[in-house]
């Protein structure tokens, strides 16, 4: 018979769906940044290229962090938050306000879903 803790870890509900969406979105964003999508070819000629490299690295780190959260590891949360903060700073330096709002909302939803959960 399964214990209450084991049942809680197996049933992730909304958190599991949210993490699956985050993992899929990060994989798509990694593909887009690596292949030159997501506006890299439509940027102005004087705009620096370094934010795209920062976005690529932080998106990969966020994807790894989301997998760590899926497994119930505390390091996954820390890596995810650090990657999103770095992405937020790069977005603000580049002047992308919509992306910055997206990141803040994503972290707020993750906080709401993780409230009351124990991570290892």
PDB file of N, CA and C in Angstrom:
ATOM      1  N   UNK A   1       0.845  -1.176   0.000  1.00  0.00           N
ATOM      2  CA  UNK A   1       0.000   0.000   0.000  1.00  0.00           C
ATOM      3  C   UNK A   1       0.891   1.239   0.000  1.00  0.00           C
ATOM      4  N   UNK A   2       0.551   2.224  -0.764  1.00  0.00           N
ATOM      5  CA  UNK A   2       1.346   3.450  -0.889  1.00  0.00           C
ATOM      6  C   UNK A   2       1.106   4.358   0.310  1.00  0.00           C
ATOM      7  N   UNK A   3       2.178   4.946   0.783  1.00  0.00           N
ATOM      8  CA  UNK A   3       2.045   5.895   1.887  1.00  0.00           C
ATOM      9  C   UNK A   3       1.540   7.227   1.359  1.00  0.00           C
ATOM     10  N   UNK A   4       1.144   8.094   2.294  1.00  0.00           N
ATOM     11  CA  UNK A   4       0.632   9.416   1.894  1.00  0.00           C
ATOM     12  C   UNK A   4       1.711  10.230   1.210  1.00  0.00           C
ATOM     13  N   UNK A   5       2.965  10.113   1.701  1.00  0.00           N
ATOM     14  CA  UNK A   5       4.066  10.873   1.081  1.00  0.00           C
ATOM     15  C   UNK A   5       4.325  10.382  -0.335  1.00  0.00           C
ATOM     16  N   UNK A   6       4.296   9.071  -0.527  1.00  0.00           N
ATOM     17  CA  UNK A   6       4.530   8.509  -1.851  1.00  0.00           C
ATOM     18  C   UNK A   6       3.419   8.931  -2.810  1.00  0.00           C
ATOM     19  N   UNK A   7       2.175   8.922  -2.348  1.00  0.00           N
ATOM     20  CA  UNK A   7       1.052   9.347  -3.179  1.00  0.00           C
ATOM     21  C   UNK A   7       1.186  10.818  -3.544  1.00  0.00           C
ATOM     22  N   UNK A   8       1.630  11.666  -2.578  1.00  0.00           N
ATOM     23  CA  UNK A   8       1.804  13.098  -2.841  1.00  0.00           C
ATOM     24  C   UNK A   8       2.879  13.321  -3.894  1.00  0.00           C
ATOM     25  N   UNK A   9       3.967  12.549  -3.854  1.00  0.00           N
ATOM     26  CA  UNK A   9       5.038  12.728  -4.829  1.00  0.00           C
ATOM     27  C   UNK A   9       4.608  12.249  -6.212  1.00  0.00           C
ATOM     28  N   UNK A  10       3.744  11.237  -6.284  1.00  0.00           N
ATOM     29  CA  UNK A  10       3.308  10.728  -7.581  1.00  0.00           C
ATOM     30  C   UNK A  10       2.310  11.651  -8.247  1.00  0.00           C
ATOM     31  N   UNK A  11       1.444  12.279  -7.481  1.00  0.00           N
ATOM     32  CA  UNK A  11       0.424  13.156  -8.037  1.00  0.00           C
ATOM     33  C   UNK A  11       0.913  14.591  -7.985  1.00  0.00           C
ATOM     34  N   UNK A  12       1.324  15.090  -9.105  1.00  0.00           N
ATOM     35  CA  UNK A  12       1.828  16.455  -9.146  1.00  0.00           C
ATOM     36  C   UNK A  12       0.749  17.435  -9.587  1.00  0.00           C
ATOM     37  N   UNK A  13      -0.251  16.980 -10.283  1.00  0.00           N
ATOM     38  CA  UNK A  13      -1.364  17.837 -10.681  1.00  0.00           C
ATOM     39  C   UNK A  13      -0.932  19.026 -11.517  1.00  0.00           C
ATOM     40  N   UNK A  14      -1.358  20.215 -11.078  1.00  0.00           N
ATOM     41  CA  UNK A  14      -1.067  21.447 -11.816  1.00  0.00           C
ATOM     42  C   UNK A  14       0.426  21.718 -11.894  1.00  0.00           C
ATOM     43  N   UNK A  15       1.166  21.373 -10.839  1.00  0.00           N
ATOM     44  CA  UNK A  15       2.615  21.575 -10.860  1.00  0.00           C
ATOM     45  C   UNK A  15       3.258  20.731 -11.952  1.00  0.00           C
ATOM     46  N   UNK A  16       2.839  19.501 -12.082  1.00  0.00           N
ATOM     47  CA  UNK A  16       3.382  18.637 -13.127  1.00  0.00           C
ATOM     48  C   UNK A  16       3.088  19.158 -14.521  1.00  0.00           C
ATOM     49  N   UNK A  17       1.884  19.643 -14.714  1.00  0.00           N
ATOM     50  CA  UNK A  17       1.521  20.217 -16.013  1.00  0.00           C
ATOM     51  C   UNK A  17       2.343  21.465 -16.290  1.00  0.00           C
ATOM     52  N   UNK A  18       2.493  22.329 -15.275  1.00  0.00           N
ATOM     53  CA  UNK A  18       3.264  23.560 -15.440  1.00  0.00           C
ATOM     54  C   UNK A  18       4.729  23.252 -15.755  1.00  0.00           C
ATOM     55  N   UNK A  19       5.312  22.273 -15.049  1.00  0.00           N
ATOM     56  CA  UNK A  19       6.700  21.911 -15.314  1.00  0.00           C
ATOM     57  C   UNK A  19       6.861  21.300 -16.701  1.00  0.00           C
ATOM     58  N   UNK A  20       5.889  20.510 -17.147  1.00  0.00           N
ATOM     59  CA  UNK A  20       5.953  19.957 -18.506  1.00  0.00           C
ATOM     60  C   UNK A  20       5.899  21.076 -19.535  1.00  0.00           C
ATOM     61  N   UNK A  21       5.055  22.065 -19.313  1.00  0.00           N
ATOM     62  CA  UNK A  21       4.980  23.215 -20.224  1.00  0.00           C
ATOM     63  C   UNK A  21       6.296  23.985 -20.209  1.00  0.00           C
ATOM     64  N   UNK A  22       6.876  24.194 -19.022  1.00  0.00           N
ATOM     65  CA  UNK A  22       8.152  24.909 -18.929  1.00  0.00           C
ATOM     66  C   UNK A  22       9.273  24.160 -19.635  1.00  0.00           C
ATOM     67  N   UNK A  23       9.322  22.852 -19.465  1.00  0.00           N
ATOM     68  CA  UNK A  23      10.358  22.058 -20.135  1.00  0.00           C
ATOM     69  C   UNK A  23      10.193  22.142 -21.646  1.00  0.00           C
ATOM     70  N   UNK A  24       8.968  21.988 -22.134  1.00  0.00           N
ATOM     71  CA  UNK A  24       8.723  22.073 -23.580  1.00  0.00           C
ATOM     72  C   UNK A  24       9.034  23.464 -24.114  1.00  0.00           C
ATOM     73  N   UNK A  25       8.642  24.502 -23.391  1.00  0.00           N
ATOM     74  CA  UNK A  25       8.907  25.870 -23.843  1.00  0.00           C
ATOM     75  C   UNK A  25      10.395  26.165 -23.861  1.00  0.00           C
ATOM     76  N   UNK A  26      11.130  25.682 -22.867  1.00  0.00           N
ATOM     77  CA  UNK A  26      12.571  25.905 -22.848  1.00  0.00           C
ATOM     78  C   UNK A  26      13.268  25.138 -23.969  1.00  0.00           C
ATOM     79  N   UNK A  27      12.813  23.919 -24.259  1.00  0.00           N
ATOM     80  CA  UNK A  27      13.403  23.181 -25.385  1.00  0.00           C
ATOM     81  C   UNK A  27      13.156  23.905 -26.708  1.00  0.00           C
ATOM     82  N   UNK A  28      11.943  24.422 -26.883  1.00  0.00           N
ATOM     83  CA  UNK A  28      11.639  25.177 -28.093  1.00  0.00           C
ATOM     84  C   UNK A  28      12.486  26.449 -28.175  1.00  0.00           C
ATOM     85  N   UNK A  29      12.632  27.159 -27.053  1.00  0.00           N
ATOM     86  CA  UNK A  29      13.424  28.389 -27.050  1.00  0.00           C
ATOM     87  C   UNK A  29      14.899  28.104 -27.316  1.00  0.00           C
ATOM     88  N   UNK A  30      15.419  27.005 -26.779  1.00  0.00           N
ATOM     89  CA  UNK A  30      16.817  26.634 -27.060  1.00  0.00           C
ATOM     90  C   UNK A  30      16.988  26.414 -28.554  1.00  0.00           C
ATOM     91  N   UNK A  31      16.054  25.684 -29.157  1.00  0.00           N
ATOM     92  CA  UNK A  31      16.118  25.443 -30.603  1.00  0.00           C
ATOM     93  C   UNK A  31      16.072  26.755 -31.374  1.00  0.00           C
ATOM     94  N   UNK A  32      15.173  27.649 -30.980  1.00  0.00           N
ATOM     95  CA  UNK A  32      15.039  28.922 -31.696  1.00  0.00           C
ATOM     96  C   UNK A  32      16.280  29.797 -31.540  1.00  0.00           C
ATOM     97  N   UNK A  33      16.814  29.898 -30.330  1.00  0.00           N
ATOM     98  CA  UNK A  33      18.013  30.715 -30.132  1.00  0.00           C
ATOM     99  C   UNK A  33      19.213  30.114 -30.859  1.00  0.00           C
ATOM    100  N   UNK A  34      19.323  28.787 -30.858  1.00  0.00           N
ATOM    101  CA  UNK A  34      20.476  28.138 -31.490  1.00  0.00           C
ATOM    102  C   UNK A  34      20.415  28.213 -33.015  1.00  0.00           C
ATOM    103  N   UNK A  35      19.209  28.272 -33.579  1.00  0.00           N
ATOM    104  CA  UNK A  35      19.088  28.305 -35.038  1.00  0.00           C
ATOM    105  C   UNK A  35      18.864  29.703 -35.595  1.00  0.00           C
ATOM    106  N   UNK A  36      18.894  30.701 -34.740  1.00  0.00           N
ATOM    107  CA  UNK A  36      18.774  32.071 -35.221  1.00  0.00           C
ATOM    108  C   UNK A  36      17.362  32.599 -35.255  1.00  0.00           C
ATOM    109  N   UNK A  37      16.432  31.914 -34.645  1.00  0.00           N
ATOM    110  CA  UNK A  37      15.060  32.400 -34.606  1.00  0.00           C
ATOM    111  C   UNK A  37      14.869  33.403 -33.486  1.00  0.00           C
ATOM    112  N   UNK A  38      13.631  33.623 -33.126  1.00  0.00           N
ATOM    113  CA  UNK A  38      13.232  34.537 -32.051  1.00  0.00           C
ATOM    114  C   UNK A  38      13.806  35.943 -32.226  1.00  0.00           C
ATOM    115  N   UNK A  39      13.808  36.408 -33.452  1.00  0.00           N
ATOM    116  CA  UNK A  39      14.159  37.799 -33.708  1.00  0.00           C
ATOM    117  C   UNK A  39      15.624  38.101 -33.873  1.00  0.00           C
ATOM    118  N   UNK A  40      16.489  37.100 -33.881  1.00  0.00           N
ATOM    119  CA  UNK A  40      17.920  37.390 -33.975  1.00  0.00           C
ATOM    120  C   UNK A  40      18.265  37.997 -35.334  1.00  0.00           C
ATOM    121  N   UNK A  41      17.548  37.599 -36.377  1.00  0.00           N
ATOM    122  CA  UNK A  41      17.830  38.156 -37.697  1.00  0.00           C
ATOM    123  C   UNK A  41      17.072  39.454 -37.960  1.00  0.00           C
ATOM    124  N   UNK A  42      16.100  39.757 -37.118  1.00  0.00           N
ATOM    125  CA  UNK A  42      15.301  40.960 -37.310  1.00  0.00           C
ATOM    126  C   UNK A  42      15.719  42.087 -36.378  1.00  0.00           C
ATOM    127  N   UNK A  43      16.795  41.905 -35.654  1.00  0.00           N
ATOM    128  CA  UNK A  43      17.251  42.951 -34.734  1.00  0.00           C
ATOM    129  C   UNK A  43      17.917  44.061 -35.530  1.00  0.00           C
ATOM    130  N   UNK A  44      18.023  45.217 -34.914  1.00  0.00           N
ATOM    131  CA  UNK A  44      18.688  46.326 -35.595  1.00  0.00           C
ATOM    132  C   UNK A  44      20.186  46.043 -35.673  1.00  0.00           C
ATOM    133  N   UNK A  45      20.853  46.544 -36.698  1.00  0.00           N
ATOM    134  CA  UNK A  45      22.278  46.240 -36.887  1.00  0.00           C
ATOM    135  C   UNK A  45      23.167  46.715 -35.738  1.00  0.00           C
ATOM    136  N   UNK A  46      22.770  47.768 -35.038  1.00  0.00           N
ATOM    137  CA  UNK A  46      23.615  48.258 -33.946  1.00  0.00           C
ATOM    138  C   UNK A  46      23.347  47.545 -32.616  1.00  0.00           C
ATOM    139  N   UNK A  47      22.332  46.689 -32.571  1.00  0.00           N
ATOM    140  CA  UNK A  47      22.028  45.948 -31.338  1.00  0.00           C
ATOM    141  C   UNK A  47      23.094  44.876 -31.103  1.00  0.00           C
ATOM    142  N   UNK A  48      23.535  44.724 -29.871  1.00  0.00           N
ATOM    143  CA  UNK A  48      24.568  43.715 -29.590  1.00  0.00           C
ATOM    144  C   UNK A  48      24.008  42.297 -29.704  1.00  0.00           C
ATOM    145  N   UNK A  49      24.883  41.362 -29.959  1.00  0.00           N
ATOM    146  CA  UNK A  49      24.491  39.965 -30.117  1.00  0.00           C
ATOM    147  C   UNK A  49      24.602  39.183 -28.809  1.00  0.00           C
ATOM    148  N   UNK A  50      25.313  39.716 -27.827  1.00  0.00           N
ATOM    149  CA  UNK A  50      25.548  38.968 -26.597  1.00  0.00           C
ATOM    150  C   UNK A  50      24.293  38.602 -25.830  1.00  0.00           C
ATOM    151  N   UNK A  51      23.186  39.396 -25.856  1.00  0.00           N
ATOM    152  CA  UNK A  51      22.004  38.945 -25.104  1.00  0.00           C
ATOM    153  C   UNK A  51      21.434  37.619 -25.613  1.00  0.00           C
ATOM    154  N   UNK A  52      21.562  37.336 -26.893  1.00  0.00           N
ATOM    155  CA  UNK A  52      21.061  36.076 -27.417  1.00  0.00           C
ATOM    156  C   UNK A  52      21.854  34.899 -26.871  1.00  0.00           C
ATOM    157  N   UNK A  53      23.160  35.070 -26.700  1.00  0.00           N
ATOM    158  CA  UNK A  53      23.962  34.012 -26.094  1.00  0.00           C
ATOM    159  C   UNK A  53      23.598  33.830 -24.628  1.00  0.00           C
ATOM    160  N   UNK A  54      23.344  34.925 -23.930  1.00  0.00           N
ATOM    161  CA  UNK A  54      22.911  34.840 -22.534  1.00  0.00           C
ATOM    162  C   UNK A  54      21.555  34.150 -22.452  1.00  0.00           C
ATOM    163  N   UNK A  55      20.633  34.490 -23.361  1.00  0.00           N
ATOM    164  CA  UNK A  55      19.319  33.845 -23.380  1.00  0.00           C
ATOM    165  C   UNK A  55      19.450  32.349 -23.659  1.00  0.00           C
ATOM    166  N   UNK A  56      20.338  31.980 -24.578  1.00  0.00           N
ATOM    167  CA  UNK A  56      20.535  30.567 -24.907  1.00  0.00           C
ATOM    168  C   UNK A  56      21.033  29.792 -23.693  1.00  0.00           C
ATOM    169  N   UNK A  57      22.033  30.322 -23.012  1.00  0.00           N
ATOM    170  CA  UNK A  57      22.603  29.638 -21.849  1.00  0.00           C
ATOM    171  C   UNK A  57      21.605  29.607 -20.691  1.00  0.00           C
ATOM    172  N   UNK A  58      20.938  30.722 -20.430  1.00  0.00           N
ATOM    173  CA  UNK A  58      19.995  30.745 -19.312  1.00  0.00           C
ATOM    174  C   UNK A  58      18.759  29.897 -19.602  1.00  0.00           C
ATOM    175  N   UNK A  59      18.354  29.790 -20.853  1.00  0.00           N
ATOM    176  CA  UNK A  59      17.224  28.936 -21.213  1.00  0.00           C
ATOM    177  C   UNK A  59      17.582  27.467 -21.018  1.00  0.00           C
ATOM    178  N   UNK A  60      18.798  27.099 -21.390  1.00  0.00           N
ATOM    179  CA  UNK A  60      19.245  25.722 -21.161  1.00  0.00           C
ATOM    180  C   UNK A  60      19.303  25.422 -19.662  1.00  0.00           C
ATOM    181  N   UNK A  61      19.804  26.371 -18.878  1.00  0.00           N
ATOM    182  CA  UNK A  61      19.867  26.180 -17.426  1.00  0.00           C
ATOM    183  C   UNK A  61      18.459  26.096 -16.820  1.00  0.00           C
ATOM    184  N   UNK A  62      17.533  26.897 -17.322  1.00  0.00           N
ATOM    185  CA  UNK A  62      16.155  26.844 -16.827  1.00  0.00           C
ATOM    186  C   UNK A  62      15.512  25.502 -17.164  1.00  0.00           C
ATOM    187  N   UNK A  63      15.815  24.964 -18.327  1.00  0.00           N
ATOM    188  CA  UNK A  63      15.291  23.643 -18.686  1.00  0.00           C
ATOM    189  C   UNK A  63      15.812  22.551 -17.768  1.00  0.00           C
ATOM    190  N   UNK A  64      17.109  22.614 -17.450  1.00  0.00           N
ATOM    191  CA  UNK A  64      17.691  21.647 -16.510  1.00  0.00           C
ATOM    192  C   UNK A  64      17.080  21.845 -15.122  1.00  0.00           C
ATOM    193  N   UNK A  65      16.875  23.088 -14.720  1.00  0.00           N
ATOM    194  CA  UNK A  65      16.248  23.367 -13.430  1.00  0.00           C
ATOM    195  C   UNK A  65      14.818  22.851 -13.361  1.00  0.00           C
ATOM    196  N   UNK A  66      14.073  22.969 -14.464  1.00  0.00           N
ATOM    197  CA  UNK A  66      12.698  22.460 -14.497  1.00  0.00           C
ATOM    198  C   UNK A  66      12.676  20.942 -14.373  1.00  0.00           C
ATOM    199  N   UNK A  67      13.638  20.277 -14.997  1.00  0.00           N
ATOM    200  CA  UNK A  67      13.737  18.822 -14.846  1.00  0.00           C
ATOM    201  C   UNK A  67      14.077  18.476 -13.391  1.00  0.00           C
ATOM    202  N   UNK A  68      14.982  19.248 -12.765  1.00  0.00           N
ATOM    203  CA  UNK A  68      15.298  19.032 -11.362  1.00  0.00           C
ATOM    204  C   UNK A  68      14.083  19.225 -10.468  1.00  0.00           C
ATOM    205  N   UNK A  69      13.267  20.226 -10.764  1.00  0.00           N
ATOM    206  CA  UNK A  69      12.028  20.428 -10.013  1.00  0.00           C
ATOM    207  C   UNK A  69      11.062  19.265 -10.220  1.00  0.00           C
ATOM    208  N   UNK A  70      11.008  18.771 -11.433  1.00  0.00           N
ATOM    209  CA  UNK A  70      10.147  17.625 -11.739  1.00  0.00           C
ATOM    210  C   UNK A  70      10.541  16.428 -10.869  1.00  0.00           C
ATOM    211  N   UNK A  71      11.848  16.282 -10.650  1.00  0.00           N
ATOM    212  CA  UNK A  71      12.345  15.186  -9.822  1.00  0.00           C
ATOM    213  C   UNK A  71      12.247  15.488  -8.328  1.00  0.00           C
ATOM    214  N   UNK A  72      11.815  16.698  -7.971  1.00  0.00           N
ATOM    215  CA  UNK A  72      11.639  17.067  -6.578  1.00  0.00           C
ATOM    216  C   UNK A  72      12.912  17.513  -5.887  1.00  0.00           C
ATOM    217  N   UNK A  73      13.863  18.021  -6.636  1.00  0.00           N
ATOM    218  CA  UNK A  73      15.150  18.438  -6.073  1.00  0.00           C
ATOM    219  C   UNK A  73      15.176  19.941  -5.847  1.00  0.00           C
ATOM    220  N   UNK A  74      15.751  20.319  -4.718  1.00  0.00           N
ATOM    221  CA  UNK A  74      15.842  21.735  -4.356  1.00  0.00           C
ATOM    222  C   UNK A  74      16.793  22.489  -5.290  1.00  0.00           C
ATOM    223  N   UNK A  75      17.864  21.834  -5.755  1.00  0.00           N
ATOM    224  CA  UNK A  75      18.802  22.505  -6.655  1.00  0.00           C
ATOM    225  C   UNK A  75      18.112  22.912  -7.958  1.00  0.00           C
ATOM    226  N   UNK A  76      17.088  22.158  -8.351  1.00  0.00           N
ATOM    227  CA  UNK A  76      16.340  22.504  -9.561  1.00  0.00           C
ATOM    228  C   UNK A  76      15.639  23.847  -9.413  1.00  0.00           C
ATOM    229  N   UNK A  77      15.083  24.090  -8.232  1.00  0.00           N
ATOM    230  CA  UNK A  77      14.443  25.382  -7.977  1.00  0.00           C
ATOM    231  C   UNK A  77      15.460  26.511  -8.010  1.00  0.00           C
ATOM    232  N   UNK A  78      16.602  26.309  -7.338  1.00  0.00           N
ATOM    233  CA  UNK A  78      17.630  27.352  -7.309  1.00  0.00           C
ATOM    234  C   UNK A  78      18.160  27.645  -8.711  1.00  0.00           C
ATOM    235  N   UNK A  79      18.458  26.594  -9.474  1.00  0.00           N
ATOM    236  CA  UNK A  79      18.965  26.788 -10.834  1.00  0.00           C
ATOM    237  C   UNK A  79      17.929  27.478 -11.711  1.00  0.00           C
ATOM    238  N   UNK A  80      16.669  27.094 -11.562  1.00  0.00           N
ATOM    239  CA  UNK A  80      15.598  27.692 -12.351  1.00  0.00           C
ATOM    240  C   UNK A  80      15.459  29.177 -12.054  1.00  0.00           C
ATOM    241  N   UNK A  81      15.453  29.539 -10.779  1.00  0.00           N
ATOM    242  CA  UNK A  81      15.295  30.947 -10.398  1.00  0.00           C
ATOM    243  C   UNK A  81      16.503  31.766 -10.837  1.00  0.00           C
ATOM    244  N   UNK A  82      17.705  31.241 -10.652  1.00  0.00           N
ATOM    245  CA  UNK A  82      18.917  31.964 -11.078  1.00  0.00           C
ATOM    246  C   UNK A  82      18.907  32.173 -12.586  1.00  0.00           C
ATOM    247  N   UNK A  83      18.537  31.150 -13.343  1.00  0.00           N
ATOM    248  CA  UNK A  83      18.500  31.276 -14.806  1.00  0.00           C
ATOM    249  C   UNK A  83      17.474  32.318 -15.235  1.00  0.00           C
ATOM    250  N   UNK A  84      16.340  32.362 -14.584  1.00  0.00           N
ATOM    251  CA  UNK A  84      15.327  33.338 -14.955  1.00  0.00           C
ATOM    252  C   UNK A  84      15.710  34.752 -14.540  1.00  0.00           C
ATOM    253  N   UNK A  85      16.423  34.887 -13.425  1.00  0.00           N
ATOM    254  CA  UNK A  85      16.888  36.221 -13.024  1.00  0.00           C
ATOM    255  C   UNK A  85      17.931  36.727 -14.018  1.00  0.00           C
ATOM    256  N   UNK A  86      18.848  35.868 -14.427  1.00  0.00           N
ATOM    257  CA  UNK A  86      19.850  36.262 -15.428  1.00  0.00           C
ATOM    258  C   UNK A  86      19.174  36.623 -16.739  1.00  0.00           C
ATOM    259  N   UNK A  87      18.187  35.842 -17.140  1.00  0.00           N
ATOM    260  CA  UNK A  87      17.450  36.145 -18.359  1.00  0.00           C
ATOM    261  C   UNK A  87      16.687  37.462 -18.232  1.00  0.00           C
ATOM    262  N   UNK A  88      16.135  37.718 -17.049  1.00  0.00           N
ATOM    263  CA  UNK A  88      15.435  38.984 -16.786  1.00  0.00           C
ATOM    264  C   UNK A  88      16.379  40.166 -16.937  1.00  0.00           C
ATOM    265  N   UNK A  89      17.567  40.063 -16.359  1.00  0.00           N
ATOM    266  CA  UNK A  89      18.536  41.154 -16.456  1.00  0.00           C
ATOM    267  C   UNK A  89      18.982  41.384 -17.900  1.00  0.00           C
ATOM    268  N   UNK A  90      19.231  40.307 -18.627  1.00  0.00           N
ATOM    269  CA  UNK A  90      19.623  40.453 -20.028  1.00  0.00           C
ATOM    270  C   UNK A  90      18.492  41.057 -20.850  1.00  0.00           C
ATOM    271  N   UNK A  91      17.252  40.668 -20.545  1.00  0.00           N
ATOM    272  CA  UNK A  91      16.106  41.240 -21.253  1.00  0.00           C
ATOM    273  C   UNK A  91      15.945  42.720 -20.970  1.00  0.00           C
ATOM    274  N   UNK A  92      16.172  43.124 -19.730  1.00  0.00           N
ATOM    275  CA  UNK A  92      16.060  44.545 -19.393  1.00  0.00           C
ATOM    276  C   UNK A  92      17.188  45.348 -20.035  1.00  0.00           C
ATOM    277  N   UNK A  93      18.398  44.777 -20.091  1.00  0.00           N
ATOM    278  CA  UNK A  93      19.510  45.478 -20.739  1.00  0.00           C
ATOM    279  C   UNK A  93      19.288  45.604 -22.239  1.00  0.00           C
ATOM    280  N   UNK A  94      18.600  44.636 -22.805  1.00  0.00           N
ATOM    281  CA  UNK A  94      18.304  44.681 -24.232  1.00  0.00           C
ATOM    282  C   UNK A  94      17.085  45.556 -24.511  1.00  0.00           C
ATOM    283  N   UNK A  95      16.251  45.786 -23.511  1.00  0.00           N
ATOM    284  CA  UNK A  95      15.071  46.617 -23.689  1.00  0.00           C
ATOM    285  C   UNK A  95      13.823  45.839 -24.020  1.00  0.00           C
ATOM    286  N   UNK A  96      13.790  44.550 -23.696  1.00  0.00           N
ATOM    287  CA  UNK A  96      12.642  43.712 -23.990  1.00  0.00           C
ATOM    288  C   UNK A  96      11.734  43.668 -22.769  1.00  0.00           C
ATOM    289  N   UNK A  97      10.754  44.545 -22.716  1.00  0.00           N
ATOM    290  CA  UNK A  97       9.878  44.643 -21.548  1.00  0.00           C
ATOM    291  C   UNK A  97       8.885  43.490 -21.512  1.00  0.00           C
ATOM    292  N   UNK A  98       8.374  43.054 -22.642  1.00  0.00           N
ATOM    293  CA  UNK A  98       7.387  41.974 -22.670  1.00  0.00           C
ATOM    294  C   UNK A  98       7.997  40.691 -22.136  1.00  0.00           C
ATOM    295  N   UNK A  99       9.230  40.411 -22.527  1.00  0.00           N
ATOM    296  CA  UNK A  99       9.886  39.211 -22.034  1.00  0.00           C
ATOM    297  C   UNK A  99      10.104  39.303 -20.532  1.00  0.00           C
ATOM    298  N   UNK A 100      10.446  40.471 -20.032  1.00  0.00           N
ATOM    299  CA  UNK A 100      10.668  40.645 -18.606  1.00  0.00           C
ATOM    300  C   UNK A 100       9.378  40.375 -17.829  1.00  0.00           C
ATOM    301  N   UNK A 101       8.246  40.830 -18.324  1.00  0.00           N
ATOM    302  CA  UNK A 101       6.965  40.586 -17.676  1.00  0.00           C
ATOM    303  C   UNK A 101       6.627  39.094 -17.706  1.00  0.00           C
ATOM    304  N   UNK A 102       6.917  38.444 -18.802  1.00  0.00           N
ATOM    305  CA  UNK A 102       6.681  37.009 -18.941  1.00  0.00           C
ATOM    306  C   UNK A 102       7.459  36.237 -17.886  1.00  0.00           C
ATOM    307  N   UNK A 103       8.690  36.605 -17.640  1.00  0.00           N
ATOM    308  CA  UNK A 103       9.526  35.902 -16.673  1.00  0.00           C
ATOM    309  C   UNK A 103       8.996  36.091 -15.261  1.00  0.00           C
ATOM    310  N   UNK A 104       8.605  37.302 -14.912  1.00  0.00           N
ATOM    311  CA  UNK A 104       8.075  37.562 -13.572  1.00  0.00           C
ATOM    312  C   UNK A 104       6.788  36.775 -13.343  1.00  0.00           C
ATOM    313  N   UNK A 105       5.910  36.755 -14.324  1.00  0.00           N
ATOM    314  CA  UNK A 105       4.666  36.002 -14.183  1.00  0.00           C
ATOM    315  C   UNK A 105       4.923  34.502 -14.063  1.00  0.00           C
ATOM    316  N   UNK A 106       5.886  34.001 -14.820  1.00  0.00           N
ATOM    317  CA  UNK A 106       6.236  32.581 -14.726  1.00  0.00           C
ATOM    318  C   UNK A 106       6.754  32.199 -13.357  1.00  0.00           C
ATOM    319  N   UNK A 107       7.576  33.050 -12.772  1.00  0.00           N
ATOM    320  CA  UNK A 107       8.087  32.775 -11.433  1.00  0.00           C
ATOM    321  C   UNK A 107       6.989  32.868 -10.381  1.00  0.00           C
ATOM    322  N   UNK A 108       6.045  33.795 -10.549  1.00  0.00           N
ATOM    323  CA  UNK A 108       4.935  33.898  -9.600  1.00  0.00           C
ATOM    324  C   UNK A 108       4.036  32.663  -9.653  1.00  0.00           C
ATOM    325  N   UNK A 109       3.776  32.148 -10.840  1.00  0.00           N
ATOM    326  CA  UNK A 109       2.972  30.932 -10.972  1.00  0.00           C
ATOM    327  C   UNK A 109       3.715  29.755 -10.355  1.00  0.00           C
ATOM    328  N   UNK A 110       5.015  29.653 -10.592  1.00  0.00           N
ATOM    329  CA  UNK A 110       5.795  28.571 -10.004  1.00  0.00           C
ATOM    330  C   UNK A 110       5.784  28.662  -8.484  1.00  0.00           C
ATOM    331  N   UNK A 111       5.904  29.861  -7.929  1.00  0.00           N
ATOM    332  CA  UNK A 111       5.856  30.045  -6.484  1.00  0.00           C
ATOM    333  C   UNK A 111       4.505  29.590  -5.925  1.00  0.00           C
ATOM    334  N   UNK A 112       3.431  29.966  -6.602  1.00  0.00           N
ATOM    335  CA  UNK A 112       2.096  29.585  -6.143  1.00  0.00           C
ATOM    336  C   UNK A 112       1.906  28.068  -6.167  1.00  0.00           C
ATOM    337  N   UNK A 113       2.469  27.400  -7.168  1.00  0.00           N
ATOM    338  CA  UNK A 113       2.315  25.961  -7.262  1.00  0.00           C
ATOM    339  C   UNK A 113       3.226  25.200  -6.295  1.00  0.00           C
ATOM    340  N   UNK A 114       4.343  25.800  -5.915  1.00  0.00           N
ATOM    341  CA  UNK A 114       5.274  25.123  -5.011  1.00  0.00           C
ATOM    342  C   UNK A 114       4.983  25.386  -3.534  1.00  0.00           C
ATOM    343  N   UNK A 115       4.113  26.327  -3.244  1.00  0.00           N
ATOM    344  CA  UNK A 115       3.814  26.651  -1.854  1.00  0.00           C
ATOM    345  C   UNK A 115       3.338  25.407  -1.113  1.00  0.00           C
ATOM    346  N   UNK A 116       3.952  25.155   0.035  1.00  0.00           N
ATOM    347  CA  UNK A 116       3.548  24.020   0.866  1.00  0.00           C
ATOM    348  C   UNK A 116       4.157  22.697   0.461  1.00  0.00           C
ATOM    349  N   UNK A 117       4.968  22.670  -0.571  1.00  0.00           N
ATOM    350  CA  UNK A 117       5.615  21.410  -1.001  1.00  0.00           C
ATOM    351  C   UNK A 117       7.019  21.327  -0.408  1.00  0.00           C
ATOM    352  N   UNK A 118       7.417  20.128  -0.084  1.00  0.00           N
ATOM    353  CA  UNK A 118       8.767  19.881   0.422  1.00  0.00           C
ATOM    354  C   UNK A 118       9.632  19.397  -0.742  1.00  0.00           C
ATOM    355  N   UNK A 119      10.801  20.002  -0.879  1.00  0.00           N
ATOM    356  CA  UNK A 119      11.764  19.572  -1.889  1.00  0.00           C
ATOM    357  C   UNK A 119      12.956  18.956  -1.173  1.00  0.00           C
ATOM    358  N   UNK A 120      13.554  17.968  -1.794  1.00  0.00           N
ATOM    359  CA  UNK A 120      14.731  17.309  -1.214  1.00  0.00           C
ATOM    360  C   UNK A 120      15.975  18.098  -1.464  1.00  0.00           C
TER     361      UNK A 120
END
